Amino acid sequence: MSLVVSGAGGLLGSACVSLGAAQRGSPFSFTAPGTWVFGSAQSAAVGTTARFLGIILVYLGIALLLGSWYELVRTVRARPGTALAPLIRVLVAWAAPIVVAPPLFSRDVYSYAAQGQMVTRGISPYAHGPAALGAGPYLRLVDPLWAHSPAPYGPAWERLSAWIVQLSGRDVLTALVGFRLVALVGVGLMAWAVPVLARSVGRDRGSAFALAVMNPLVVLDLLGSSHNDALMLGLLVAGCAAARSRQVAVGLLLCALAAEVKIPALIGAAFIGWWWAGSGASPRARLARVVGSVVSVAAAMAAIGAVSGLGWRWLGDLSNPGRVVSWLDPATAVGLLLDRAAAAFGAPGHQAAFVHGARTVALVAAAVISLVLLVRSDRLGAMAAIGGSLLAFVVLGPVIWPWYETWAFVFLAVTAEGRILQLLFLFSAVACVADLPRPRLLATGDPVLVTVGWVALAAVVGLFLVTRVMRRAVGPSAQPPPSTSITWPVT
């Protein structure tokens, strides 16, 4: 399938998602009158037909986007040396409908704005939740789950949020556009940095770009939701790219800024230190560079915290996302199982203690796994090692949100082959449809609309599956040549 066909299919998919999310009563977006440039606000009097239409359009769009991405990656991998320019044009086409869509799948952007407003009023977002505002244009839009939760984000992010709120004149629409632009900057940093990382390890730049940056999970969840993970990941990937281009100081500074958005980016400092020493250095010398890099980034973060006036209190709030207790999180599930077992033996009422203990053990395990991957990164591959480290903290963290997977996927995609490549496709697709609506929202009184909607969705999925079967019957396509290992130069 040509890039033109894949690009057109993805553009149609993005447009369907944007249009579907803008329908009145869509479970994929949450707006209020005057908070977005188009689309209907939420209402209790939404007809089931309109809601069903919006849901089907979003599902149809996600299916088209995922299928187009798969075919585009396959096309690029079969043509090593594909130029970046046409891929960038396709990415812009896919992203354009999402950029103008209302906030998708999450209400986190309203929490960012509320916390920014708190900073402008001199209220510490690390001591109070958005409810401390008492009233305001953002508070009514914040998810009630986080209304009383202090912010788990760094001072640099909170100051940036405050500037966006100030520049917007506290107008919700203008503030949302500001946060969407910040997410766009993050994706732009990834678009620049991923080809640099690919070149540093001897891999095809076009293949890495298509698999990592054009992933629908990046387009829909990082950009569409305006998550600050987009900026964190963009800075982190750019920092690693700068370091592997022998701009170590720049790389460490970018990692410090990334960690000032979200703390997991601190992992980048450890890997930059390991790469900096070079493969010919002794383990002691390499570990010394790792310690030096982490200390340097911590010092830069301390300086940023001091200049911002918000300090280090935010580190005590890092567990706040873990307020969500879900069986879908492995560590939490272990804690819940232990609580059930204790209750069966006559000792109920200890769920919080078991969950906290299981999560603590899991985080320690993630740290150990990351250390092992760091030490063995020369054999495993630099991108696989840092991607695996981030994945360990995602899987073993206190809660798993779908977009967290992008932390690891962007690095793993640079060198993904075989089973890893298949898993990237699989888990990206699962994450894109993780926010399934409740069954009652899939009901409508119009049988014709039901039939047309589900047939259209089934046709898109069926066409993709039939295409795969026919391709296998014809024979395997050309594969890109195996990559060669490149030793990173010592500086």
Protein backbone atom coordinates (compact mmCIF):
# COMPACT_ATOMS: atom_id res chain seq x y z
CA MET A 1 0.00 0.00 0.00
CA SER A 2 1.45 3.38 -1.00
CA LEU A 3 2.10 6.21 1.39
CA VAL A 4 -0.64 8.20 -0.31
CA VAL A 5 -3.29 5.55 0.38
CA SER A 6 -2.11 5.05 3.96
CA GLY A 7 -2.02 8.79 4.48
CA ALA A 8 -5.55 9.22 3.11
CA GLY A 9 -6.89 6.37 5.23
CA GLY A 10 -5.34 7.79 8.39
CA LEU A 11 -6.62 11.27 7.59
CA LEU A 12 -10.14 9.90 7.20
CA GLY A 13 -9.74 8.04 10.49
CA SER A 14 -8.57 11.14 12.36
CA ALA A 15 -11.45 13.13 10.91
CA CYS A 16 -13.95 10.48 12.08
CA VAL A 17 -12.49 10.54 15.60
CA SER A 18 -12.64 14.33 15.73
CA LEU A 19 -16.20 14.45 14.41
CA GLY A 20 -17.40 11.61 16.62
CA ALA A 21 -15.88 13.10 19.79
CA ALA A 22 -17.59 16.42 19.01
CA GLN A 23 -21.07 14.86 19.05
CA ARG A 24 -23.35 15.77 21.94
CA GLY A 25 -23.02 13.30 24.79
CA SER A 26 -19.85 11.64 23.48
CA PRO A 27 -18.14 9.63 26.24
CA PHE A 28 -14.78 10.39 24.61
CA SER A 29 -14.72 14.13 25.38
CA PHE A 30 -16.01 16.47 28.06
CA THR A 31 -16.76 20.09 27.28
CA ALA A 32 -19.02 22.89 28.45
CA PRO A 33 -20.57 25.83 26.58
CA GLY A 34 -17.84 28.06 25.20
CA THR A 35 -14.96 25.71 26.00
CA TRP A 36 -14.23 24.61 22.43
CA VAL A 37 -14.49 26.02 18.94
CA PHE A 38 -16.99 23.43 17.68
CA GLY A 39 -19.04 20.53 18.91
CA SER A 40 -21.79 20.29 21.50
CA ALA A 41 -21.40 20.48 25.23
CA GLN A 42 -22.39 17.64 27.54
CA SER A 43 -26.07 17.43 28.34
CA ALA A 44 -28.30 15.13 30.34
CA ALA A 45 -30.92 15.27 27.57
CA VAL A 46 -28.82 13.66 24.87
CA GLY A 47 -30.61 11.32 22.48
CA THR A 48 -29.32 7.77 22.26
CA THR A 49 -29.09 8.01 18.47
CA ALA A 50 -26.71 11.00 18.54
CA ARG A 51 -24.58 9.39 21.25
CA PHE A 52 -24.40 6.09 19.36
CA LEU A 53 -23.42 7.87 16.16
CA GLY A 54 -20.57 9.63 17.94
CA ILE A 55 -19.28 6.38 19.45
CA ILE A 56 -19.38 4.51 16.14
CA LEU A 57 -17.55 7.36 14.38
CA VAL A 58 -14.78 7.26 16.98
CA TYR A 59 -14.45 3.48 16.75
CA LEU A 60 -14.45 3.65 12.97
CA GLY A 61 -11.82 6.38 13.02
CA ILE A 62 -9.55 4.47 15.41
CA ALA A 63 -9.83 1.33 13.25
CA LEU A 64 -8.95 3.30 10.10
CA LEU A 65 -6.04 5.03 11.80
CA LEU A 66 -4.62 1.80 13.24
CA GLY A 67 -4.95 -0.02 9.92
CA SER A 68 -3.37 2.84 7.98
CA TRP A 69 -0.50 3.03 10.48
CA TYR A 70 0.16 -0.70 10.19
CA GLU A 71 0.22 -0.55 6.40
CA LEU A 72 2.38 2.57 6.38
CA VAL A 73 4.95 0.97 8.70
CA ARG A 74 4.97 -2.14 6.54
CA THR A 75 5.47 -0.05 3.39
CA VAL A 76 8.32 1.97 4.87
CA ARG A 77 10.08 -1.08 6.31
CA ALA A 78 9.92 -2.70 2.87
CA ARG A 79 11.58 0.39 1.37
CA PRO A 80 14.67 1.18 3.48
CA GLY A 81 15.88 4.72 3.02
CA THR A 82 12.42 6.26 2.63
CA ALA A 83 12.76 10.03 2.99
CA LEU A 84 11.36 11.70 6.08
CA ALA A 85 9.64 14.54 4.20
CA PRO A 86 6.65 12.51 2.92
CA LEU A 87 6.27 10.84 6.31
CA ILE A 88 6.18 14.23 8.01
CA ARG A 89 3.47 15.37 5.58
CA VAL A 90 1.41 12.28 6.40
CA LEU A 91 1.88 12.89 10.13
CA VAL A 92 0.70 16.48 9.74
CA ALA A 93 -2.36 15.25 7.82
CA TRP A 94 -3.21 12.71 10.54
CA ALA A 95 -2.68 15.21 13.33
CA ALA A 96 -4.62 18.12 11.78
CA PRO A 97 -8.15 16.87 12.63
CA ILE A 98 -6.99 15.89 16.13
CA VAL A 99 -5.47 19.32 16.79
CA VAL A 100 -8.85 20.96 16.23
CA ALA A 101 -10.80 18.29 18.14
CA PRO A 102 -12.01 18.88 21.71
CA PRO A 103 -9.90 17.27 24.47
CA LEU A 104 -10.11 13.52 23.88
CA PHE A 105 -10.48 10.57 26.27
CA SER A 106 -9.36 12.45 29.40
CA ARG A 107 -10.11 15.54 31.48
CA ASP A 108 -6.53 15.91 32.73
CA VAL A 109 -6.01 19.10 30.73
CA TYR A 110 -8.60 20.82 32.93
CA SER A 111 -6.61 19.77 36.00
CA TYR A 112 -3.49 21.33 34.45
CA ALA A 113 -5.36 24.59 33.91
CA ALA A 114 -6.84 24.57 37.42
CA GLN A 115 -3.42 23.98 38.95
CA GLY A 116 -2.01 26.79 36.81
CA GLN A 117 -4.72 29.09 38.11
CA MET A 118 -3.79 28.07 41.66
CA VAL A 119 -0.19 29.11 41.05
CA THR A 120 -1.30 32.50 39.71
CA ARG A 121 -3.26 33.03 42.94
CA GLY A 122 -0.36 32.04 45.16
CA ILE A 123 -1.95 28.71 46.17
CA SER A 124 0.54 25.85 46.23
CA PRO A 125 -0.63 23.02 43.94
CA TYR A 126 1.46 20.69 46.12
CA ALA A 127 -0.43 21.48 49.31
CA HIS A 128 -3.95 21.65 47.91
CA GLY A 129 -6.09 20.20 45.15
CA PRO A 130 -8.00 22.26 42.57
CA ALA A 131 -10.96 22.40 44.97
CA ALA A 132 -8.99 25.05 46.91
CA LEU A 133 -9.93 27.50 44.14
CA GLY A 134 -13.44 27.54 45.55
CA ALA A 135 -14.80 28.56 42.16
CA GLY A 136 -13.43 29.30 38.75
CA PRO A 137 -13.76 28.57 35.06
CA TYR A 138 -11.74 25.32 35.27
CA LEU A 139 -12.84 23.71 38.53
CA ARG A 140 -16.24 22.61 37.22
CA LEU A 141 -14.49 20.75 34.41
CA VAL A 142 -11.92 18.94 36.58
CA ASP A 143 -12.52 15.23 37.11
CA PRO A 144 -13.93 14.86 40.66
CA LEU A 145 -11.36 12.11 41.27
CA TRP A 146 -8.58 14.72 41.25
CA ALA A 147 -10.44 17.70 42.69
CA HIS A 148 -8.80 17.32 46.10
CA SER A 149 -5.48 15.83 44.95
CA PRO A 150 -2.23 17.85 45.03
CA ALA A 151 -0.29 17.92 41.78
CA PRO A 152 2.29 15.17 41.08
CA TYR A 153 4.05 17.29 38.43
CA GLY A 154 7.26 19.27 38.65
CA PRO A 155 7.63 23.02 39.30
CA ALA A 156 8.61 23.72 35.68
CA TRP A 157 5.32 22.27 34.48
CA GLU A 158 3.29 24.13 37.09
CA ARG A 159 4.94 27.44 36.16
CA LEU A 160 4.30 26.75 32.49
CA SER A 161 0.65 26.00 33.30
CA ALA A 162 0.42 29.28 35.21
CA TRP A 163 1.84 31.21 32.25
CA ILE A 164 -0.68 29.59 29.90
CA VAL A 165 -3.54 30.54 32.22
CA GLN A 166 -2.24 34.10 32.57
CA LEU A 167 -1.76 34.56 28.82
CA SER A 168 -5.23 33.16 28.18
CA GLY A 169 -6.84 35.73 30.45
CA ARG A 170 -8.41 32.76 32.27
CA ASP A 171 -10.50 32.00 29.18
CA VAL A 172 -11.02 28.23 29.05
CA LEU A 173 -10.91 27.92 25.26
CA THR A 174 -7.68 29.92 24.96
CA ALA A 175 -6.06 27.95 27.77
CA LEU A 176 -7.01 24.64 26.14
CA VAL A 177 -5.47 25.82 22.87
CA GLY A 178 -2.31 26.71 24.80
CA PHE A 179 -2.02 23.23 26.32
CA ARG A 180 -2.73 21.64 22.93
CA LEU A 181 0.14 23.69 21.46
CA VAL A 182 2.45 22.49 24.24
CA ALA A 183 1.54 18.89 23.40
CA LEU A 184 2.23 19.68 19.74
CA VAL A 185 5.69 20.93 20.70
CA GLY A 186 6.32 17.65 22.52
CA VAL A 187 5.34 15.60 19.48
CA GLY A 188 7.52 17.88 17.33
CA LEU A 189 10.52 17.18 19.58
CA MET A 190 9.90 13.45 19.16
CA ALA A 191 9.68 13.89 15.40
CA TRP A 192 13.11 15.53 15.39
CA ALA A 193 14.79 13.24 17.91
CA VAL A 194 13.66 9.76 16.87
CA PRO A 195 15.51 9.82 13.50
CA VAL A 196 18.64 11.00 15.34
CA LEU A 197 18.38 8.08 17.75
CA ALA A 198 17.84 5.68 14.85
CA ARG A 199 20.93 6.95 13.06
CA SER A 200 23.00 6.62 16.26
CA VAL A 201 22.28 2.87 16.43
CA GLY A 202 22.49 2.19 12.71
CA ARG A 203 18.77 1.79 12.03
CA ASP A 204 16.58 3.14 9.25
CA ARG A 205 15.30 6.62 10.15
CA GLY A 206 12.07 6.36 8.20
CA SER A 207 11.08 3.05 9.78
CA ALA A 208 11.78 4.38 13.29
CA PHE A 209 9.84 7.57 12.59
CA ALA A 210 6.82 5.73 11.20
CA LEU A 211 6.66 3.21 14.04
CA ALA A 212 7.40 5.59 16.93
CA VAL A 213 6.08 9.05 16.12
CA MET A 214 3.16 8.11 13.87
CA ASN A 215 1.76 5.61 16.37
CA PRO A 216 -1.97 6.41 16.76
CA LEU A 217 -1.45 6.25 20.53
CA VAL A 218 0.83 9.29 20.21
CA VAL A 219 -1.57 11.13 17.91
CA LEU A 220 -4.78 10.35 19.80
CA ASP A 221 -3.73 10.18 23.45
CA LEU A 222 -0.71 12.46 23.75
CA LEU A 223 -1.79 15.10 21.26
CA GLY A 224 -5.57 14.65 21.36
CA SER A 225 -5.73 14.59 25.15
CA SER A 226 -3.09 17.34 25.51
CA HIS A 227 -1.35 15.21 28.14
CA ASN A 228 1.81 16.68 29.65
CA ASP A 229 3.38 13.28 28.89
CA ALA A 230 3.83 14.63 25.33
CA LEU A 231 6.16 17.38 26.55
CA MET A 232 7.91 15.11 29.06
CA LEU A 233 8.55 12.43 26.44
CA GLY A 234 9.55 14.95 23.78
CA LEU A 235 12.14 16.52 26.07
CA LEU A 236 13.40 13.09 27.18
CA VAL A 237 13.79 11.74 23.64
CA ALA A 238 15.43 15.00 22.53
CA GLY A 239 17.81 14.84 25.51
CA CYS A 240 18.86 11.30 24.63
CA ALA A 241 19.29 12.28 20.97
CA ALA A 242 21.45 15.26 21.93
CA ALA A 243 23.58 13.11 24.22
CA ARG A 244 24.13 10.47 21.55
CA SER A 245 25.19 13.31 19.22
CA ARG A 246 27.91 14.12 21.81
CA GLN A 247 26.06 17.10 23.26
CA VAL A 248 26.00 15.57 26.73
CA ALA A 249 25.42 18.79 28.67
CA VAL A 250 22.48 19.70 26.46
CA GLY A 251 21.12 16.19 26.84
CA LEU A 252 21.29 16.30 30.63
CA LEU A 253 19.62 19.72 30.73
CA LEU A 254 16.77 18.47 28.55
CA CYS A 255 16.38 15.41 30.80
CA ALA A 256 16.22 17.72 33.82
CA LEU A 257 13.45 19.72 32.16
CA ALA A 258 11.63 16.48 31.27
CA ALA A 259 11.89 15.25 34.87
CA GLU A 260 10.53 18.62 35.99
CA VAL A 261 7.37 17.67 34.13
CA LYS A 262 7.23 14.03 35.27
CA ILE A 263 9.83 12.25 37.38
CA PRO A 264 10.18 9.03 35.27
CA ALA A 265 12.26 11.05 32.80
CA LEU A 266 15.08 10.90 35.36
CA ILE A 267 15.84 7.45 33.91
CA GLY A 268 17.29 9.24 30.89
CA ALA A 269 20.05 10.79 33.02
CA ALA A 270 21.28 7.35 34.11
CA PHE A 271 21.45 6.07 30.54
CA ILE A 272 23.15 9.20 29.26
CA GLY A 273 25.84 8.73 31.92
CA TRP A 274 26.34 5.12 30.87
CA TRP A 275 26.60 6.03 27.18
CA TRP A 276 28.86 8.99 27.99
CA ALA A 277 31.59 6.79 29.49
CA GLY A 278 31.71 4.64 26.35
CA SER A 279 31.74 0.86 25.99
CA GLY A 280 35.51 0.70 26.48
CA ALA A 281 35.39 2.11 30.01
CA SER A 282 35.43 -0.07 33.11
CA PRO A 283 32.15 -0.77 34.92
CA ARG A 284 33.34 1.40 37.83
CA ALA A 285 34.08 4.33 35.52
CA ARG A 286 30.72 3.96 33.78
CA LEU A 287 28.82 3.82 37.05
CA ALA A 288 30.70 6.92 38.20
CA ARG A 289 29.48 8.73 35.09
CA VAL A 290 25.96 7.51 35.80
CA VAL A 291 26.10 8.91 39.33
CA GLY A 292 27.58 12.15 38.04
CA SER A 293 24.84 12.51 35.44
CA VAL A 294 22.04 11.84 37.91
CA VAL A 295 23.55 14.28 40.43
CA SER A 296 23.91 16.93 37.72
CA VAL A 297 20.28 16.54 36.68
CA ALA A 298 19.16 16.61 40.33
CA ALA A 299 21.12 19.84 40.83
CA ALA A 300 19.52 21.39 37.76
CA MET A 301 16.09 20.35 39.04
CA ALA A 302 16.86 21.89 42.43
CA ALA A 303 17.80 25.14 40.73
CA ILE A 304 14.59 25.11 38.68
CA GLY A 305 12.56 24.43 41.81
CA ALA A 306 14.22 27.30 43.64
CA VAL A 307 13.73 29.76 40.78
CA SER A 308 10.09 28.73 40.38
CA GLY A 309 9.44 29.31 44.06
CA LEU A 310 7.66 25.94 44.29
CA GLY A 311 10.53 23.90 45.74
CA TRP A 312 10.66 20.12 46.19
CA ARG A 313 7.36 19.46 47.91
CA TRP A 314 5.96 17.93 44.74
CA LEU A 315 8.06 14.77 45.28
CA GLY A 316 5.80 13.88 48.17
CA ASP A 317 2.79 13.92 45.85
CA LEU A 318 4.13 11.43 43.30
CA SER A 319 1.86 8.69 44.63
CA ASN A 320 -1.33 10.67 43.95
CA PRO A 321 -2.08 8.98 40.59
CA GLY A 322 -2.11 5.75 42.60
CA ARG A 323 -5.39 6.79 44.22
CA VAL A 324 -7.00 4.77 41.46
CA VAL A 325 -7.24 1.16 42.69
CA SER A 326 -7.74 -1.12 39.71
CA TRP A 327 -7.36 -4.83 39.04
CA LEU A 328 -5.81 -3.89 35.67
CA ASP A 329 -2.62 -2.74 37.39
CA PRO A 330 -0.42 -5.81 38.18
CA ALA A 331 1.00 -4.51 41.48
CA THR A 332 -2.41 -3.34 42.68
CA ALA A 333 -3.97 -6.65 41.66
CA VAL A 334 -1.45 -8.52 43.84
CA GLY A 335 -2.32 -6.29 46.79
CA LEU A 336 -6.05 -6.85 46.23
CA LEU A 337 -5.53 -10.62 46.02
CA LEU A 338 -3.57 -10.58 49.29
CA ASP A 339 -6.39 -8.63 50.90
CA ARG A 340 -8.95 -11.15 49.68
CA ALA A 341 -6.80 -14.01 50.99
CA ALA A 342 -6.45 -12.31 54.37
CA ALA A 343 -10.19 -11.76 54.53
CA ALA A 344 -10.76 -15.44 53.77
CA PHE A 345 -8.61 -16.32 56.80
CA GLY A 346 -10.53 -13.95 59.05
CA ALA A 347 -8.44 -10.78 58.81
CA PRO A 348 -10.40 -8.33 56.63
CA GLY A 349 -10.01 -4.57 56.34
CA HIS A 350 -6.35 -4.30 55.31
CA GLN A 351 -6.72 -3.47 51.61
CA ALA A 352 -4.84 -0.15 51.78
CA ALA A 353 -1.86 -1.74 53.56
CA PHE A 354 -1.65 -4.69 51.16
CA VAL A 355 -1.98 -2.48 48.08
CA HIS A 356 0.65 -0.03 49.35
CA GLY A 357 3.03 -2.87 50.20
CA ALA A 358 2.60 -4.57 46.84
CA ARG A 359 3.16 -1.31 44.99
CA THR A 360 6.31 -0.58 46.99
CA VAL A 361 7.76 -4.01 46.21
CA ALA A 362 6.85 -3.58 42.54
CA LEU A 363 8.63 -0.23 42.31
CA VAL A 364 11.74 -1.72 43.91
CA ALA A 365 11.56 -4.55 41.36
CA ALA A 366 11.26 -1.99 38.53
CA ALA A 367 14.37 -0.19 39.83
CA VAL A 368 16.32 -3.46 39.93
CA ILE A 369 15.18 -4.37 36.42
CA SER A 370 16.25 -0.94 35.17
CA LEU A 371 19.68 -1.30 36.75
CA VAL A 372 20.17 -4.71 35.11
CA LEU A 373 19.08 -3.34 31.74
CA LEU A 374 21.44 -0.39 32.15
CA VAL A 375 24.44 -2.61 32.86
CA ARG A 376 23.58 -4.95 29.97
CA SER A 377 22.60 -2.24 27.51
CA ASP A 378 25.67 -2.79 25.31
CA ARG A 379 24.51 -6.33 24.62
CA LEU A 380 20.79 -5.67 24.54
CA GLY A 381 20.98 -2.41 22.60
CA ALA A 382 20.74 1.14 23.91
CA MET A 383 17.17 1.78 22.77
CA ALA A 384 15.87 -1.60 23.91
CA ALA A 385 17.45 -1.10 27.34
CA ILE A 386 16.06 2.37 28.03
CA GLY A 387 12.69 1.39 26.54
CA GLY A 388 12.60 -1.71 28.72
CA SER A 389 13.45 0.33 31.80
CA LEU A 390 10.60 2.74 31.18
CA LEU A 391 8.27 -0.17 30.44
CA ALA A 392 9.20 -1.75 33.78
CA PHE A 393 8.13 1.37 35.63
CA VAL A 394 4.92 1.58 33.59
CA VAL A 395 3.91 -2.05 34.19
CA LEU A 396 5.05 -2.14 37.83
CA GLY A 397 3.92 1.38 38.70
CA PRO A 398 0.99 2.18 41.00
CA VAL A 399 -1.42 2.70 38.10
CA ILE A 400 -1.38 2.14 34.33
CA TRP A 401 -3.02 4.66 32.03
CA PRO A 402 -3.05 3.82 28.29
CA TRP A 403 -0.83 6.73 27.25
CA TYR A 404 1.90 5.75 29.75
CA GLU A 405 2.89 3.02 27.31
CA THR A 406 4.24 5.64 24.91
CA TRP A 407 7.12 6.32 27.34
CA ALA A 408 8.60 2.96 26.41
CA PHE A 409 7.16 2.44 22.94
CA VAL A 410 8.89 5.45 21.39
CA PHE A 411 12.31 4.06 22.34
CA LEU A 412 11.52 0.41 21.65
CA ALA A 413 10.18 1.32 18.20
CA VAL A 414 13.61 2.56 17.07
CA THR A 415 15.01 -0.98 16.90
CA ALA A 416 11.88 -3.16 17.13
CA GLU A 417 11.98 -6.43 15.20
CA GLY A 418 10.18 -9.75 15.33
CA ARG A 419 8.16 -10.40 18.46
CA ILE A 420 8.82 -6.92 19.89
CA LEU A 421 7.43 -5.35 16.71
CA GLN A 422 4.30 -7.50 16.91
CA LEU A 423 3.79 -6.60 20.56
CA LEU A 424 4.13 -2.90 19.78
CA PHE A 425 1.34 -3.17 17.23
CA LEU A 426 -0.83 -5.26 19.56
CA PHE A 427 -0.51 -3.17 22.71
CA SER A 428 -0.78 0.12 20.82
CA ALA A 429 -4.08 -1.07 19.36
CA VAL A 430 -5.35 -2.25 22.75
CA ALA A 431 -4.37 1.05 24.40
CA CYS A 432 -6.16 3.05 21.70
CA VAL A 433 -9.47 1.36 22.51
CA ALA A 434 -8.95 1.08 26.27
CA ASP A 435 -11.54 3.76 27.08
CA LEU A 436 -14.53 1.67 26.11
CA PRO A 437 -17.94 3.26 26.79
CA ARG A 438 -20.45 1.61 29.10
CA PRO A 439 -22.75 -0.90 27.32
CA ARG A 440 -25.83 1.28 27.83
CA LEU A 441 -24.22 4.00 25.70
CA LEU A 442 -24.11 1.61 22.74
CA ALA A 443 -27.91 1.46 22.58
CA THR A 444 -30.09 3.43 20.18
CA GLY A 445 -33.69 3.28 19.09
CA ASP A 446 -32.82 3.45 15.38
CA PRO A 447 -32.24 -0.10 14.04
CA VAL A 448 -31.06 1.22 10.67
CA LEU A 449 -28.35 3.31 12.30
CA VAL A 450 -27.27 0.35 14.44
CA THR A 451 -26.97 -1.86 11.38
CA VAL A 452 -25.12 0.70 9.28
CA GLY A 453 -22.77 1.61 12.13
CA TRP A 454 -21.68 -1.89 13.06
CA VAL A 455 -21.49 -3.05 9.44
CA ALA A 456 -19.21 -0.12 8.58
CA LEU A 457 -16.96 -0.88 11.52
CA ALA A 458 -16.89 -4.60 10.71
CA ALA A 459 -16.12 -3.81 7.06
CA VAL A 460 -13.03 -1.77 7.97
CA VAL A 461 -11.70 -4.44 10.31
CA GLY A 462 -12.59 -7.20 7.82
CA LEU A 463 -10.85 -5.42 4.96
CA PHE A 464 -7.67 -5.15 7.01
CA LEU A 465 -7.76 -8.85 7.98
CA VAL A 466 -8.50 -9.98 4.40
CA THR A 467 -5.61 -7.86 3.11
CA ARG A 468 -3.24 -9.55 5.57
CA VAL A 469 -4.43 -13.03 4.58
CA MET A 470 -4.07 -12.30 0.85
CA ARG A 471 -0.59 -10.85 1.38
CA ARG A 472 0.54 -13.97 3.21
CA ALA A 473 -0.86 -16.13 0.44
CA VAL A 474 1.17 -14.23 -2.16
CA GLY A 475 4.38 -14.48 -0.13
CA PRO A 476 6.56 -12.47 2.21
CA SER A 477 7.47 -8.93 1.30
CA ALA A 478 10.90 -7.52 1.20
CA GLN A 479 12.42 -6.96 4.58
CA PRO A 480 14.86 -4.23 5.55
CA PRO A 481 18.47 -5.35 5.80
CA PRO A 482 19.71 -6.31 9.25
CA SER A 483 21.17 -3.45 11.21
CA THR A 484 24.75 -3.24 12.29
CA SER A 485 25.90 -2.40 15.76
CA ILE A 486 27.56 0.98 16.09
CA THR A 487 29.74 1.80 19.09
CA TRP A 488 28.91 5.22 20.47
CA PRO A 489 32.02 7.46 20.48
CA VAL A 490 33.60 8.35 23.81
CA THR A 491 33.67 12.06 24.64
